[in-house]
Amino acid sequence: MEDLGRIHQLIVHVMGHDLTFNLEVVVMTWIAITALLCFGFLAARKKSIIPGPVQVVGELFVNFLYGLTEDALGEEMSKKYAPMICALFMFLLLCNWMGIIPHLEEPTKDLNTPLSYGLMGFVLAHHAGIKAKGLKRYLKDYCEPMFIMAPLNIIGELAKVISISFRLFGNIMGGAIIILVVSYLTFNIITPPFLNAFFGAFVGTIQAFVFTMLTLVYIAVQVN
């Protein structure tokens, strides 16, 4: 239980300021990135009409997510945003699944990871909105249905970042705490492995999908 609040940090001194890095999150994130790069390489290395198992999995991900993106944004815009949606879902999915593997931890268990992707989605959505509508119409939408609603509309947009980030963080961190507590209560017998598989595979998949779809919806709302 004493490991619950322990964080392995790297502190770098730069121009009189201390930059603090969570080493565990950094390492786990790079493991996820490396695994995805290897998966992409293997899936695209020998493409054929009769695909191998890795190519089949890759095509399933791409076709499914491209279809969802096209339904939300249309055929033209989906060509631009579908690769990002695919990459976001696969990265979050793998990050959430990493807790199933012994000695590995979920990068999404640290708020910095979901918050950074929430901010990324926020910036992409509003950038797409400005390009699609023009700056004048984009700013005018914040004054609907009347000018005095502008502050509330702005707060509502900012709240989306907090909502989407804390939803993912809370579910993954909550699952990790439950597994840790039950492990100590049952001495790591029977129950914890099932809980670990449940939170990692089932809840992790759902939360990765929800986060990705909300990001897609935010972009669609801005451009439509």
Protein backbone atom coordinates (compact mmCIF):
# COMPACT_ATOMS: atom_id res chain seq x y z
CA MET A 1 0.00 0.00 0.00
CA GLU A 2 2.93 2.31 0.59
CA ASP A 3 3.62 2.32 -3.17
CA LEU A 4 0.32 4.07 -3.90
CA GLY A 5 1.64 7.62 -3.63
CA ARG A 6 5.25 6.95 -4.59
CA ILE A 7 6.41 8.72 -7.76
CA HIS A 8 9.82 8.26 -9.38
CA GLN A 9 10.82 11.72 -10.51
CA LEU A 10 13.55 13.26 -12.61
CA ILE A 11 14.23 16.89 -11.71
CA VAL A 12 16.10 18.94 -14.30
CA HIS A 13 17.42 22.41 -13.44
CA VAL A 14 17.03 24.83 -16.37
CA MET A 15 17.83 28.53 -16.03
CA GLY A 16 16.93 28.67 -12.36
CA HIS A 17 13.75 26.61 -12.75
CA ASP A 18 13.11 22.99 -11.84
CA LEU A 19 11.44 20.80 -14.45
CA THR A 20 9.95 17.69 -12.85
CA PHE A 21 9.30 14.58 -14.93
CA ASN A 22 7.45 11.46 -13.83
CA LEU A 23 9.91 8.81 -15.01
CA GLU A 24 7.39 5.99 -14.83
CA VAL A 25 4.95 7.78 -17.11
CA VAL A 26 7.69 8.80 -19.54
CA VAL A 27 9.04 5.24 -19.82
CA MET A 28 5.58 3.66 -20.14
CA THR A 29 4.58 6.21 -22.78
CA TRP A 30 7.64 5.41 -24.87
CA ILE A 31 6.96 1.69 -24.50
CA ALA A 32 3.46 2.28 -25.87
CA ILE A 33 4.77 4.42 -28.73
CA THR A 34 7.44 1.85 -29.63
CA ALA A 35 4.90 -0.98 -29.57
CA LEU A 36 2.55 0.94 -31.87
CA LEU A 37 5.37 1.78 -34.28
CA CYS A 38 6.34 -1.89 -34.42
CA PHE A 39 2.70 -2.87 -34.95
CA GLY A 40 2.34 -0.36 -37.78
CA PHE A 41 5.56 -1.56 -39.40
CA LEU A 42 4.53 -5.21 -39.24
CA ALA A 43 1.00 -4.49 -40.46
CA ALA A 44 2.18 -2.52 -43.51
CA ARG A 45 5.41 -4.39 -44.29
CA LYS A 46 3.92 -7.10 -46.54
CA LYS A 47 0.50 -5.93 -47.61
CA SER A 48 -1.41 -8.46 -49.67
CA ILE A 49 -4.91 -9.25 -50.89
CA ILE A 50 -4.94 -12.21 -48.51
CA PRO A 51 -3.79 -10.43 -45.34
CA GLY A 52 -1.89 -11.89 -42.46
CA PRO A 53 -3.12 -11.67 -38.85
CA VAL A 54 -1.34 -8.37 -38.07
CA GLN A 55 -2.60 -6.75 -41.27
CA VAL A 56 -6.15 -7.92 -40.49
CA VAL A 57 -6.06 -6.28 -37.05
CA GLY A 58 -4.64 -3.08 -38.51
CA GLU A 59 -7.29 -2.94 -41.24
CA LEU A 60 -10.06 -3.53 -38.70
CA PHE A 61 -8.91 -0.57 -36.63
CA VAL A 62 -8.47 1.70 -39.64
CA ASN A 63 -11.72 0.79 -41.41
CA PHE A 64 -13.81 1.08 -38.25
CA LEU A 65 -12.38 4.43 -37.15
CA TYR A 66 -12.31 5.88 -40.65
CA GLY A 67 -16.00 5.00 -40.97
CA LEU A 68 -16.86 6.77 -37.71
CA THR A 69 -14.84 9.82 -38.69
CA GLU A 70 -16.48 9.98 -42.11
CA ASP A 71 -19.95 9.79 -40.53
CA ALA A 72 -19.12 12.70 -38.22
CA LEU A 73 -17.09 14.98 -40.49
CA GLY A 74 -17.90 13.96 -44.04
CA GLU A 75 -15.72 12.31 -46.67
CA GLU A 76 -13.44 15.27 -47.37
CA MET A 77 -12.56 16.18 -43.78
CA SER A 78 -12.27 12.56 -42.70
CA LYS A 79 -9.17 12.21 -44.90
CA LYS A 80 -7.52 14.88 -42.76
CA TYR A 81 -8.64 13.89 -39.27
CA ALA A 82 -9.16 10.12 -39.45
CA PRO A 83 -5.43 9.29 -39.10
CA MET A 84 -5.30 11.35 -35.90
CA ILE A 85 -8.44 9.66 -34.56
CA CYS A 86 -6.98 6.22 -35.32
CA ALA A 87 -3.66 7.05 -33.67
CA LEU A 88 -5.36 8.56 -30.61
CA PHE A 89 -7.61 5.55 -30.02
CA MET A 90 -4.87 2.97 -30.52
CA PHE A 91 -2.47 4.85 -28.25
CA LEU A 92 -4.99 5.29 -25.43
CA LEU A 93 -6.15 1.69 -25.82
CA LEU A 94 -2.62 0.35 -25.47
CA CYS A 95 -1.89 2.68 -22.55
CA ASN A 96 -4.99 1.47 -20.73
CA TRP A 97 -4.13 -2.17 -21.43
CA MET A 98 -0.57 -1.89 -20.14
CA GLY A 99 -1.73 -2.34 -16.54
CA ILE A 100 -2.66 -5.93 -17.35
CA ILE A 101 0.99 -6.80 -17.96
CA PRO A 102 3.00 -7.42 -14.76
CA HIS A 103 5.45 -4.64 -13.80
CA LEU A 104 3.91 -2.20 -16.29
CA GLU A 105 1.69 0.77 -15.42
CA GLU A 106 -0.88 2.77 -17.37
CA PRO A 107 0.44 6.19 -18.51
CA THR A 108 -3.17 7.40 -18.39
CA LYS A 109 -3.09 6.87 -14.62
CA ASP A 110 -1.20 10.17 -14.47
CA LEU A 111 -3.39 13.23 -15.09
CA ASN A 112 -0.76 14.83 -17.34
CA THR A 113 -1.37 12.25 -20.09
CA PRO A 114 -5.17 12.56 -20.50
CA LEU A 115 -5.01 16.31 -19.87
CA SER A 116 -2.44 16.81 -22.62
CA TYR A 117 -4.59 14.88 -25.09
CA GLY A 118 -7.66 16.78 -23.94
CA LEU A 119 -5.85 20.04 -24.68
CA MET A 120 -4.72 18.66 -28.03
CA GLY A 121 -8.31 17.83 -28.97
CA PHE A 122 -9.45 21.26 -27.80
CA VAL A 123 -6.89 23.07 -29.95
CA LEU A 124 -7.58 20.88 -33.00
CA ALA A 125 -11.34 21.33 -32.68
CA HIS A 126 -11.19 25.11 -32.47
CA HIS A 127 -8.58 25.36 -35.20
CA ALA A 128 -10.85 23.29 -37.43
CA GLY A 129 -13.79 25.49 -36.48
CA ILE A 130 -11.97 28.68 -37.43
CA LYS A 131 -10.86 27.22 -40.77
CA ALA A 132 -14.33 25.91 -41.59
CA LYS A 133 -16.40 28.94 -40.49
CA GLY A 134 -14.01 31.84 -40.65
CA LEU A 135 -12.97 33.86 -37.62
CA LYS A 136 -15.97 36.21 -37.68
CA ARG A 137 -18.61 33.47 -37.67
CA TYR A 138 -16.59 31.41 -35.20
CA LEU A 139 -16.57 34.26 -32.68
CA LYS A 140 -20.21 35.07 -33.40
CA ASP A 141 -21.25 31.55 -32.34
CA TYR A 142 -20.11 32.32 -28.78
CA CYS A 143 -22.69 35.11 -28.62
CA GLU A 144 -25.63 32.79 -29.33
CA PRO A 145 -28.46 33.06 -28.46
CA MET A 146 -27.55 36.51 -27.08
CA PHE A 147 -24.38 38.48 -26.39
CA ILE A 148 -24.49 38.13 -22.59
CA MET A 149 -24.18 34.34 -22.99
CA ALA A 150 -20.63 34.65 -24.37
CA PRO A 151 -18.86 34.14 -20.99
CA LEU A 152 -20.93 31.03 -20.25
CA ASN A 153 -20.27 29.62 -23.71
CA ILE A 154 -16.53 30.16 -23.28
CA ILE A 155 -16.59 28.49 -19.85
CA GLY A 156 -18.55 25.62 -21.37
CA GLU A 157 -15.88 25.07 -24.01
CA LEU A 158 -13.08 25.14 -21.44
CA ALA A 159 -15.03 22.74 -19.22
CA LYS A 160 -14.94 20.16 -22.01
CA VAL A 161 -11.18 19.81 -21.55
CA ILE A 162 -11.58 19.20 -17.81
CA SER A 163 -14.47 16.80 -18.34
CA ILE A 164 -12.86 14.61 -20.98
CA SER A 165 -9.49 14.51 -19.19
CA PHE A 166 -10.74 13.78 -15.68
CA ARG A 167 -13.15 11.12 -16.94
CA LEU A 168 -10.30 9.06 -18.38
CA PHE A 169 -7.94 9.78 -15.49
CA GLY A 170 -10.56 9.01 -12.83
CA ASN A 171 -11.58 5.69 -14.32
CA ILE A 172 -8.03 4.41 -14.82
CA MET A 173 -6.73 5.68 -11.48
CA GLY A 174 -9.85 4.45 -9.67
CA GLY A 175 -9.42 0.99 -11.15
CA ALA A 176 -5.76 0.91 -10.13
CA ILE A 177 -6.63 1.88 -6.54
CA ILE A 178 -9.38 -0.74 -6.31
CA ILE A 179 -7.04 -3.46 -7.59
CA LEU A 180 -4.32 -2.41 -5.12
CA VAL A 181 -6.69 -2.36 -2.15
CA VAL A 182 -8.26 -5.72 -3.01
CA SER A 183 -4.80 -7.23 -3.58
CA TYR A 184 -3.78 -6.36 -0.02
CA LEU A 185 -7.06 -7.57 1.44
CA THR A 186 -6.99 -10.94 -0.36
CA PHE A 187 -3.20 -11.43 -0.43
CA ASN A 188 -3.14 -11.46 -4.24
CA ILE A 189 -5.22 -14.64 -4.52
CA ILE A 190 -7.75 -15.20 -7.36
CA THR A 191 -9.69 -11.92 -7.20
CA PRO A 192 -7.02 -9.33 -8.17
CA PRO A 193 -6.10 -10.98 -11.52
CA PHE A 194 -9.76 -10.97 -12.55
CA LEU A 195 -10.15 -7.34 -11.45
CA ASN A 196 -6.98 -6.42 -13.28
CA ALA A 197 -8.23 -8.03 -16.48
CA PHE A 198 -11.66 -6.39 -16.09
CA PHE A 199 -10.39 -2.86 -15.52
CA GLY A 200 -7.60 -3.17 -18.05
CA ALA A 201 -9.35 -4.88 -20.94
CA PHE A 202 -13.01 -3.91 -20.52
CA VAL A 203 -13.00 -0.52 -18.78
CA GLY A 204 -9.76 0.50 -20.52
CA THR A 205 -11.24 -0.21 -23.95
CA ILE A 206 -14.46 1.66 -23.21
CA GLN A 207 -12.65 4.70 -21.82
CA ALA A 208 -10.27 4.87 -24.78
CA PHE A 209 -13.23 4.71 -27.15
CA VAL A 210 -15.23 7.32 -25.21
CA PHE A 211 -12.28 9.74 -25.11
CA THR A 212 -11.65 9.33 -28.83
CA MET A 213 -15.31 9.72 -29.79
CA LEU A 214 -15.71 12.82 -27.62
CA THR A 215 -12.69 14.36 -29.32
CA LEU A 216 -14.25 13.54 -32.69
CA VAL A 217 -17.59 15.00 -31.60
CA TYR A 218 -15.94 18.22 -30.39
CA ILE A 219 -14.31 18.64 -33.81
CA ALA A 220 -17.61 17.90 -35.59
CA VAL A 221 -19.49 20.43 -33.46
CA GLN A 222 -16.98 23.15 -34.33
CA VAL A 223 -16.97 22.56 -38.08
CA ASN A 224 -20.74 22.08 -38.52
